PDB file of N, CA and C in Angstrom:
ATOM      1  N   MET A   1     177.574 213.789  81.934  1.00  0.00           N
ATOM      2  CA  MET A   1     177.336 212.362  81.981  1.00  0.00           C
ATOM      3  C   MET A   1     178.609 211.661  82.463  1.00  0.00           C
ATOM      4  N   ILE A   2     178.449 210.756  83.395  1.00  0.00           N
ATOM      5  CA  ILE A   2     179.588 210.030  83.944  1.00  0.00           C
ATOM      6  C   ILE A   2     179.832 208.789  83.096  1.00  0.00           C
ATOM      7  N   SER A   3     181.072 208.597  82.703  1.00  0.00           N
ATOM      8  CA  SER A   3     181.384 207.447  81.868  1.00  0.00           C
ATOM      9  C   SER A   3     181.540 206.194  82.708  1.00  0.00           C
ATOM     10  N   LEU A   4     181.347 205.048  82.086  1.00  0.00           N
ATOM     11  CA  LEU A   4     181.511 203.768  82.745  1.00  0.00           C
ATOM     12  C   LEU A   4     182.947 203.583  83.216  1.00  0.00           C
ATOM     13  N   LYS A   5     183.891 204.116  82.458  1.00  0.00           N
ATOM     14  CA  LYS A   5     185.306 204.018  82.822  1.00  0.00           C
ATOM     15  C   LYS A   5     185.568 204.746  84.147  1.00  0.00           C
ATOM     16  N   LYS A   6     184.979 205.935  84.337  1.00  0.00           N
ATOM     17  CA  LYS A   6     185.158 206.684  85.583  1.00  0.00           C
ATOM     18  C   LYS A   6     184.510 205.964  86.750  1.00  0.00           C
ATOM     19  N   VAL A   7     183.325 205.409  86.537  1.00  0.00           N
ATOM     20  CA  VAL A   7     182.632 204.676  87.600  1.00  0.00           C
ATOM     21  C   VAL A   7     183.434 203.451  88.001  1.00  0.00           C
ATOM     22  N   THR A   8     183.981 202.725  87.031  1.00  0.00           N
ATOM     23  CA  THR A   8     184.783 201.536  87.307  1.00  0.00           C
ATOM     24  C   THR A   8     186.052 201.902  88.064  1.00  0.00           C
ATOM     25  N   LEU A   9     186.706 202.977  87.688  1.00  0.00           N
ATOM     26  CA  LEU A   9     187.918 203.424  88.374  1.00  0.00           C
ATOM     27  C   LEU A   9     187.588 203.814  89.812  1.00  0.00           C
ATOM     28  N   PHE A  10     186.502 204.546  90.015  1.00  0.00           N
ATOM     29  CA  PHE A  10     186.093 204.951  91.352  1.00  0.00           C
ATOM     30  C   PHE A  10     185.807 203.715  92.216  1.00  0.00           C
ATOM     31  N   ALA A  11     185.100 202.740  91.676  1.00  0.00           N
ATOM     32  CA  ALA A  11     184.778 201.513  92.415  1.00  0.00           C
ATOM     33  C   ALA A  11     186.050 200.755  92.792  1.00  0.00           C
ATOM     34  N   ALA A  12     187.033 200.739  91.911  1.00  0.00           N
ATOM     35  CA  ALA A  12     188.299 200.055  92.197  1.00  0.00           C
ATOM     36  C   ALA A  12     189.059 200.742  93.319  1.00  0.00           C
ATOM     37  N   VAL A  13     189.070 202.060  93.322  1.00  0.00           N
ATOM     38  CA  VAL A  13     189.756 202.814  94.381  1.00  0.00           C
ATOM     39  C   VAL A  13     189.063 202.583  95.718  1.00  0.00           C
ATOM     40  N   VAL A  14     187.740 202.619  95.747  1.00  0.00           N
ATOM     41  CA  VAL A  14     186.990 202.384  96.981  1.00  0.00           C
ATOM     42  C   VAL A  14     187.251 200.972  97.500  1.00  0.00           C
ATOM     43  N   ALA A  15     187.252 199.988  96.630  1.00  0.00           N
ATOM     44  CA  ALA A  15     187.504 198.606  97.037  1.00  0.00           C
ATOM     45  C   ALA A  15     188.911 198.434  97.586  1.00  0.00           C
ATOM     46  N   LEU A  16     189.882 199.092  96.976  1.00  0.00           N
ATOM     47  CA  LEU A  16     191.261 199.004  97.444  1.00  0.00           C
ATOM     48  C   LEU A  16     191.382 199.594  98.836  1.00  0.00           C
ATOM     49  N   PHE A  17     190.784 200.771  99.082  1.00  0.00           N
ATOM     50  CA  PHE A  17     190.852 201.379 100.405  1.00  0.00           C
ATOM     51  C   PHE A  17     190.142 200.510 101.434  1.00  0.00           C
ATOM     52  N   ALA A  18     188.981 200.023 101.088  1.00  0.00           N
ATOM     53  CA  ALA A  18     188.213 199.204 102.028  1.00  0.00           C
ATOM     54  C   ALA A  18     188.959 197.933 102.384  1.00  0.00           C
ATOM     55  N   SER A  19     189.654 197.339 101.443  1.00  0.00           N
ATOM     56  CA  SER A  19     190.370 196.101 101.728  1.00  0.00           C
ATOM     57  C   SER A  19     191.633 196.349 102.534  1.00  0.00           C
ATOM     58  N   SER A  20     192.187 197.561 102.494  1.00  0.00           N
ATOM     59  CA  SER A  20     193.400 197.846 103.244  1.00  0.00           C
ATOM     60  C   SER A  20     193.104 198.346 104.647  1.00  0.00           C
ATOM     61  N   SER A  21     191.864 198.709 104.929  1.00  0.00           N
ATOM     62  CA  SER A  21     191.488 199.169 106.259  1.00  0.00           C
ATOM     63  C   SER A  21     190.972 197.990 107.074  1.00  0.00           C
ATOM     64  N   LEU A  22     191.311 197.986 108.348  1.00  0.00           N
ATOM     65  CA  LEU A  22     190.899 196.898 109.211  1.00  0.00           C
ATOM     66  C   LEU A  22     190.119 197.444 110.395  1.00  0.00           C
ATOM     67  N   LEU A  23     188.944 196.914 110.609  1.00  0.00           N
ATOM     68  CA  LEU A  23     188.184 197.276 111.794  1.00  0.00           C
ATOM     69  C   LEU A  23     188.747 196.489 112.959  1.00  0.00           C
ATOM     70  N   ALA A  24     189.092 197.158 114.025  1.00  0.00           N
ATOM     71  CA  ALA A  24     189.630 196.467 115.183  1.00  0.00           C
ATOM     72  C   ALA A  24     188.580 196.325 116.270  1.00  0.00           C
ATOM     73  N   GLU A  25     187.836 197.379 116.496  1.00  0.00           N
ATOM     74  CA  GLU A  25     186.801 197.361 117.520  1.00  0.00           C
ATOM     75  C   GLU A  25     185.558 198.022 116.967  1.00  0.00           C
ATOM     76  N   THR A  26     184.429 197.397 117.243  1.00  0.00           N
ATOM     77  CA  THR A  26     183.156 197.961 116.829  1.00  0.00           C
ATOM     78  C   THR A  26     182.191 197.885 117.999  1.00  0.00           C
ATOM     79  N   TYR A  27     181.522 198.982 118.264  1.00  0.00           N
ATOM     80  CA  TYR A  27     180.489 199.045 119.294  1.00  0.00           C
ATOM     81  C   TYR A  27     179.169 199.323 118.604  1.00  0.00           C
ATOM     82  N   VAL A  28     178.142 198.577 118.966  1.00  0.00           N
ATOM     83  CA  VAL A  28     176.803 198.824 118.460  1.00  0.00           C
ATOM     84  C   VAL A  28     175.987 199.348 119.634  1.00  0.00           C
ATOM     85  N   CYS A  29     175.389 200.519 119.434  1.00  0.00           N
ATOM     86  CA  CYS A  29     174.598 201.178 120.469  1.00  0.00           C
ATOM     87  C   CYS A  29     173.138 201.203 120.025  1.00  0.00           C
ATOM     88  N   LYS A  30     172.248 200.805 120.934  1.00  0.00           N
ATOM     89  CA  LYS A  30     170.819 200.763 120.614  1.00  0.00           C
ATOM     90  C   LYS A  30     170.035 201.576 121.628  1.00  0.00           C
ATOM     91  N   HIS A  31     169.008 202.236 121.101  1.00  0.00           N
ATOM     92  CA  HIS A  31     168.088 203.022 121.929  1.00  0.00           C
ATOM     93  C   HIS A  31     166.729 202.916 121.268  1.00  0.00           C
ATOM     94  N   GLY A  32     165.843 202.122 121.856  1.00  0.00           N
ATOM     95  CA  GLY A  32     164.560 201.869 121.203  1.00  0.00           C
ATOM     96  C   GLY A  32     164.796 201.130 119.900  1.00  0.00           C
ATOM     97  N   ASP A  33     164.247 201.654 118.812  1.00  0.00           N
ATOM     98  CA  ASP A  33     164.441 201.012 117.512  1.00  0.00           C
ATOM     99  C   ASP A  33     165.585 201.649 116.714  1.00  0.00           C
ATOM    100  N   GLN A  34     166.342 202.519 117.359  1.00  0.00           N
ATOM    101  CA  GLN A  34     167.472 203.171 116.685  1.00  0.00           C
ATOM    102  C   GLN A  34     168.768 202.420 116.978  1.00  0.00           C
ATOM    103  N   GLU A  35     169.693 202.480 116.031  1.00  0.00           N
ATOM    104  CA  GLU A  35     170.985 201.822 116.188  1.00  0.00           C
ATOM    105  C   GLU A  35     172.097 202.715 115.660  1.00  0.00           C
ATOM    106  N   ARG A  36     173.207 202.745 116.386  1.00  0.00           N
ATOM    107  CA  ARG A  36     174.395 203.511 116.007  1.00  0.00           C
ATOM    108  C   ARG A  36     175.597 202.578 116.090  1.00  0.00           C
ATOM    109  N   THR A  37     176.594 202.825 115.252  1.00  0.00           N
ATOM    110  CA  THR A  37     177.823 202.034 115.269  1.00  0.00           C
ATOM    111  C   THR A  37     179.018 202.952 115.426  1.00  0.00           C
ATOM    112  N   ILE A  38     179.855 202.635 116.393  1.00  0.00           N
ATOM    113  CA  ILE A  38     181.116 203.347 116.616  1.00  0.00           C
ATOM    114  C   ILE A  38     182.216 202.347 116.334  1.00  0.00           C
ATOM    115  N   ALA A  39     183.133 202.695 115.440  1.00  0.00           N
ATOM    116  CA  ALA A  39     184.176 201.751 115.044  1.00  0.00           C
ATOM    117  C   ALA A  39     185.541 202.413 115.035  1.00  0.00           C
ATOM    118  N   ILE A  40     186.540 201.617 115.354  1.00  0.00           N
ATOM    119  CA  ILE A  40     187.929 202.053 115.215  1.00  0.00           C
ATOM    120  C   ILE A  40     188.469 201.338 113.991  1.00  0.00           C
ATOM    121  N   VAL A  41     188.979 202.113 113.045  1.00  0.00           N
ATOM    122  CA  VAL A  41     189.500 201.576 111.791  1.00  0.00           C
ATOM    123  C   VAL A  41     191.002 201.831 111.752  1.00  0.00           C
ATOM    124  N   TYR A  42     191.758 200.762 111.519  1.00  0.00           N
ATOM    125  CA  TYR A  42     193.212 200.868 111.410  1.00  0.00           C
ATOM    126  C   TYR A  42     193.635 200.729 109.960  1.00  0.00           C
ATOM    127  N   ALA A  43     194.635 201.477 109.556  1.00  0.00           N
ATOM    128  CA  ALA A  43     195.138 201.404 108.189  1.00  0.00           C
ATOM    129  C   ALA A  43     196.020 200.175 107.981  1.00  0.00           C
ATOM    130  N   ASN A  44     196.671 199.709 109.048  1.00  0.00           N
ATOM    131  CA  ASN A  44     197.582 198.565 108.958  1.00  0.00           C
ATOM    132  C   ASN A  44     197.249 197.543 110.035  1.00  0.00           C
ATOM    133  N   ALA A  45     197.341 196.271 109.685  1.00  0.00           N
ATOM    134  CA  ALA A  45     197.029 195.211 110.634  1.00  0.00           C
ATOM    135  C   ALA A  45     198.026 195.136 111.776  1.00  0.00           C
ATOM    136  N   ASP A  46     199.247 195.572 111.559  1.00  0.00           N
ATOM    137  CA  ASP A  46     200.296 195.416 112.566  1.00  0.00           C
ATOM    138  C   ASP A  46     200.583 196.689 113.356  1.00  0.00           C
ATOM    139  N   SER A  47     199.710 197.698 113.261  1.00  0.00           N
ATOM    140  CA  SER A  47     199.964 198.960 113.956  1.00  0.00           C
ATOM    141  C   SER A  47     198.654 199.626 114.369  1.00  0.00           C
ATOM    142  N   ALA A  48     198.678 200.265 115.546  1.00  0.00           N
ATOM    143  CA  ALA A  48     197.496 200.977 116.030  1.00  0.00           C
ATOM    144  C   ALA A  48     197.410 202.396 115.471  1.00  0.00           C
ATOM    145  N   ALA A  49     198.368 202.788 114.672  1.00  0.00           N
ATOM    146  CA  ALA A  49     198.335 204.103 114.020  1.00  0.00           C
ATOM    147  C   ALA A  49     198.901 203.944 112.617  1.00  0.00           C
ATOM    148  N   PRO A  50     198.356 204.612 111.661  1.00  0.00           N
ATOM    149  CA  PRO A  50     197.241 205.551 111.726  1.00  0.00           C
ATOM    150  C   PRO A  50     195.912 204.826 111.968  1.00  0.00           C
ATOM    151  N   CYS A  51     194.993 205.588 112.544  1.00  0.00           N
ATOM    152  CA  CYS A  51     193.681 205.033 112.857  1.00  0.00           C
ATOM    153  C   CYS A  51     192.621 206.125 112.712  1.00  0.00           C
ATOM    154  N   GLU A  52     191.380 205.678 112.781  1.00  0.00           N
ATOM    155  CA  GLU A  52     190.254 206.584 112.632  1.00  0.00           C
ATOM    156  C   GLU A  52     189.085 206.041 113.446  1.00  0.00           C
ATOM    157  N   VAL A  53     188.327 206.920 114.080  1.00  0.00           N
ATOM    158  CA  VAL A  53     187.100 206.536 114.763  1.00  0.00           C
ATOM    159  C   VAL A  53     185.944 207.001 113.894  1.00  0.00           C
ATOM    160  N   THR A  54     185.057 206.060 113.558  1.00  0.00           N
ATOM    161  CA  THR A  54     183.910 206.409 112.727  1.00  0.00           C
ATOM    162  C   THR A  54     182.620 206.226 113.520  1.00  0.00           C
ATOM    163  N   TYR A  55     181.596 206.944 113.091  1.00  0.00           N
ATOM    164  CA  TYR A  55     180.282 206.911 113.729  1.00  0.00           C
ATOM    165  C   TYR A  55     179.242 206.808 112.631  1.00  0.00           C
ATOM    166  N   ASP A  56     178.375 205.801 112.743  1.00  0.00           N
ATOM    167  CA  ASP A  56     177.365 205.577 111.715  1.00  0.00           C
ATOM    168  C   ASP A  56     175.982 205.555 112.356  1.00  0.00           C
ATOM    169  N   LYS A  57     175.127 206.459 111.898  1.00  0.00           N
ATOM    170  CA  LYS A  57     173.745 206.546 112.367  1.00  0.00           C
ATOM    171  C   LYS A  57     172.805 205.817 111.410  1.00  0.00           C
ATOM    172  N   GLY A  58     173.369 205.051 110.475  1.00  0.00           N
ATOM    173  CA  GLY A  58     172.560 204.361 109.494  1.00  0.00           C
ATOM    174  C   GLY A  58     172.493 205.093 108.170  1.00  0.00           C
ATOM    175  N   GLU A  59     173.193 206.220 108.093  1.00  0.00           N
ATOM    176  CA  GLU A  59     173.191 207.020 106.862  1.00  0.00           C
ATOM    177  C   GLU A  59     174.579 207.054 106.233  1.00  0.00           C
ATOM    178  N   GLY A  60     175.463 206.179 106.688  1.00  0.00           N
ATOM    179  CA  GLY A  60     176.845 206.181 106.216  1.00  0.00           C
ATOM    180  C   GLY A  60     177.756 206.685 107.324  1.00  0.00           C
ATOM    181  N   ALA A  61     178.898 206.075 107.435  1.00  0.00           N
ATOM    182  CA  ALA A  61     179.830 206.413 108.510  1.00  0.00           C
ATOM    183  C   ALA A  61     180.501 207.755 108.257  1.00  0.00           C
ATOM    184  N   GLU A  62     180.681 208.507 109.353  1.00  0.00           N
ATOM    185  CA  GLU A  62     181.435 209.756 109.280  1.00  0.00           C
ATOM    186  C   GLU A  62     182.629 209.641 110.211  1.00  0.00           C
ATOM    187  N   SER A  63     183.714 210.266 109.844  1.00  0.00           N
ATOM    188  CA  SER A  63     184.926 210.236 110.644  1.00  0.00           C
ATOM    189  C   SER A  63     184.827 211.256 111.763  1.00  0.00           C
ATOM    190  N   LEU A  64     185.048 210.809 113.006  1.00  0.00           N
ATOM    191  CA  LEU A  64     185.021 211.715 114.141  1.00  0.00           C
ATOM    192  C   LEU A  64     186.424 212.145 114.551  1.00  0.00           C
ATOM    193  N   TRP A  65     187.353 211.190 114.613  1.00  0.00           N
ATOM    194  CA  TRP A  65     188.730 211.480 115.026  1.00  0.00           C
ATOM    195  C   TRP A  65     189.689 210.642 114.212  1.00  0.00           C
ATOM    196  N   GLN A  66     190.890 211.168 114.029  1.00  0.00           N
ATOM    197  CA  GLN A  66     191.957 210.460 113.320  1.00  0.00           C
ATOM    198  C   GLN A  66     193.270 210.699 114.039  1.00  0.00           C
ATOM    199  N   ALA A  67     194.163 209.723 113.954  1.00  0.00           N
ATOM    200  CA  ALA A  67     195.505 209.874 114.521  1.00  0.00           C
ATOM    201  C   ALA A  67     196.509 209.258 113.561  1.00  0.00           C
ATOM    202  N   GLN A  68     197.638 209.912 113.424  1.00  0.00           N
ATOM    203  CA  GLN A  68     198.695 209.396 112.553  1.00  0.00           C
ATOM    204  C   GLN A  68     199.773 208.656 113.340  1.00  0.00           C
ATOM    205  N   ASN A  69     200.049 209.101 114.581  1.00  0.00           N
ATOM    206  CA  ASN A  69     201.170 208.537 115.338  1.00  0.00           C
ATOM    207  C   ASN A  69     200.812 208.028 116.731  1.00  0.00           C
ATOM    208  N   ASP A  70     199.820 208.600 117.372  1.00  0.00           N
ATOM    209  CA  ASP A  70     199.474 208.249 118.745  1.00  0.00           C
ATOM    210  C   ASP A  70     198.689 206.936 118.764  1.00  0.00           C
ATOM    211  N   VAL A  71     199.311 205.870 119.269  1.00  0.00           N
ATOM    212  CA  VAL A  71     198.715 204.536 119.186  1.00  0.00           C
ATOM    213  C   VAL A  71     197.510 204.338 120.108  1.00  0.00           C
ATOM    214  N   SER A  72     197.309 205.167 121.116  1.00  0.00           N
ATOM    215  CA  SER A  72     196.169 204.982 122.008  1.00  0.00           C
ATOM    216  C   SER A  72     195.051 206.010 121.773  1.00  0.00           C
ATOM    217  N   TYR A  73     195.274 206.974 120.902  1.00  0.00           N
ATOM    218  CA  TYR A  73     194.331 208.067 120.688  1.00  0.00           C
ATOM    219  C   TYR A  73     192.945 207.567 120.270  1.00  0.00           C
ATOM    220  N   CYS A  74     192.878 206.728 119.260  1.00  0.00           N
ATOM    221  CA  CYS A  74     191.584 206.279 118.752  1.00  0.00           C
ATOM    222  C   CYS A  74     190.828 205.441 119.783  1.00  0.00           C
ATOM    223  N   GLU A  75     191.543 204.570 120.496  1.00  0.00           N
ATOM    224  CA  GLU A  75     190.901 203.752 121.520  1.00  0.00           C
ATOM    225  C   GLU A  75     190.310 204.623 122.620  1.00  0.00           C
ATOM    226  N   GLU A  76     191.066 205.630 123.058  1.00  0.00           N
ATOM    227  CA  GLU A  76     190.589 206.524 124.112  1.00  0.00           C
ATOM    228  C   GLU A  76     189.380 207.332 123.657  1.00  0.00           C
ATOM    229  N   LYS A  77     189.426 207.862 122.443  1.00  0.00           N
ATOM    230  CA  LYS A  77     188.319 208.662 121.920  1.00  0.00           C
ATOM    231  C   LYS A  77     187.069 207.812 121.753  1.00  0.00           C
ATOM    232  N   ALA A  78     187.229 206.595 121.209  1.00  0.00           N
ATOM    233  CA  ALA A  78     186.075 205.711 121.010  1.00  0.00           C
ATOM    234  C   ALA A  78     185.463 205.325 122.349  1.00  0.00           C
ATOM    235  N   ALA A  79     186.294 204.965 123.335  1.00  0.00           N
ATOM    236  CA  ALA A  79     185.791 204.573 124.651  1.00  0.00           C
ATOM    237  C   ALA A  79     185.035 205.723 125.314  1.00  0.00           C
ATOM    238  N   ALA A  80     185.558 206.932 125.219  1.00  0.00           N
ATOM    239  CA  ALA A  80     184.892 208.094 125.803  1.00  0.00           C
ATOM    240  C   ALA A  80     183.558 208.367 125.109  1.00  0.00           C
ATOM    241  N   PHE A  81     183.521 208.198 123.789  1.00  0.00           N
ATOM    242  CA  PHE A  81     182.285 208.442 123.050  1.00  0.00           C
ATOM    243  C   PHE A  81     181.239 207.376 123.372  1.00  0.00           C
ATOM    244  N   VAL A  82     181.663 206.135 123.556  1.00  0.00           N
ATOM    245  CA  VAL A  82     180.746 205.068 123.959  1.00  0.00           C
ATOM    246  C   VAL A  82     180.141 205.404 125.321  1.00  0.00           C
ATOM    247  N   GLU A  83     180.966 205.847 126.245  1.00  0.00           N
ATOM    248  CA  GLU A  83     180.464 206.221 127.577  1.00  0.00           C
ATOM    249  C   GLU A  83     179.489 207.395 127.496  1.00  0.00           C
ATOM    250  N   LYS A  84     179.760 208.337 126.616  1.00  0.00           N
ATOM    251  CA  LYS A  84     178.846 209.472 126.421  1.00  0.00           C
ATOM    252  C   LYS A  84     177.501 208.970 125.903  1.00  0.00           C
ATOM    253  N   GLN A  85     177.531 208.038 124.950  1.00  0.00           N
ATOM    254  CA  GLN A  85     176.295 207.445 124.421  1.00  0.00           C
ATOM    255  C   GLN A  85     175.518 206.755 125.540  1.00  0.00           C
ATOM    256  N   ARG A  86     176.222 206.005 126.376  1.00  0.00           N
ATOM    257  CA  ARG A  86     175.562 205.324 127.500  1.00  0.00           C
ATOM    258  C   ARG A  86     174.924 206.338 128.444  1.00  0.00           C
ATOM    259  N   GLY A  87     175.592 207.456 128.666  1.00  0.00           N
ATOM    260  CA  GLY A  87     175.046 208.511 129.509  1.00  0.00           C
ATOM    261  C   GLY A  87     173.778 209.117 128.940  1.00  0.00           C
ATOM    262  N   TRP A  88     173.621 209.049 127.636  1.00  0.00           N
ATOM    263  CA  TRP A  88     172.423 209.552 126.965  1.00  0.00           C
ATOM    264  C   TRP A  88     171.322 208.499 126.896  1.00  0.00           C
ATOM    265  N   GLY A  89     171.563 207.318 127.503  1.00  0.00           N
ATOM    266  CA  GLY A  89     170.538 206.274 127.540  1.00  0.00           C
ATOM    267  C   GLY A  89     170.690 205.172 126.500  1.00  0.00           C
ATOM    268  N   TRP A  90     171.767 205.191 125.751  1.00  0.00           N
ATOM    269  CA  TRP A  90     171.998 204.162 124.736  1.00  0.00           C
ATOM    270  C   TRP A  90     172.626 202.935 125.400  1.00  0.00           C
ATOM    271  N   ASP A  91     172.260 201.747 124.903  1.00  0.00           N
ATOM    272  CA  ASP A  91     172.849 200.484 125.357  1.00  0.00           C
ATOM    273  C   ASP A  91     173.900 200.098 124.339  1.00  0.00           C
ATOM    274  N   CYS A  92     175.186 200.223 124.703  1.00  0.00           N
ATOM    275  CA  CYS A  92     176.293 199.976 123.784  1.00  0.00           C
ATOM    276  C   CYS A  92     177.032 198.699 124.165  1.00  0.00           C
ATOM    277  N   ASN A  93     177.290 197.869 123.158  1.00  0.00           N
ATOM    278  CA  ASN A  93     178.009 196.629 123.367  1.00  0.00           C
ATOM    279  C   ASN A  93     179.098 196.457 122.318  1.00  0.00           C
ATOM    280  N   LYS A  94     180.246 195.973 122.781  1.00  0.00           N
ATOM    281  CA  LYS A  94     181.362 195.695 121.870  1.00  0.00           C
ATOM    282  C   LYS A  94     181.035 194.432 121.089  1.00  0.00           C
ATOM    283  N   GLN A  95     181.280 194.486 119.804  1.00  0.00           N
ATOM    284  CA  GLN A  95     180.999 193.347 118.930  1.00  0.00           C
ATOM    285  C   GLN A  95     182.229 192.502 118.727  1.00  0.00           C
TER     286      GLN A  95
END
C-alpha cells in the first residue's frame, strides 16, 4: 500500500522538475484524426544545453534525444524528426 506521504513527496518532485524545465519549441503534427507532439525541452532558460527532445503520441511523452553540452544538438534532431514525419504524410506546424 502506498502511503499518502509518499504520493505527496512524488507529486512535489514532479512539480519541481516540471517547473524547472522550459519548452522552447513545440511542433504539432497531424495526420487524419491523429496528433503527435515533438518538443524541445531545456533545463535552463538561459542555455540551450542541457536539453531533451520529446515525442508524444497522446500516451505520454517519451525522450528521444538528450544533450548535455552541444547547444545545437536538440534543435537539429527535432528538425530532422519533423521532416521525417512530413515525409510520412504528417502535417507538422511549429506552435
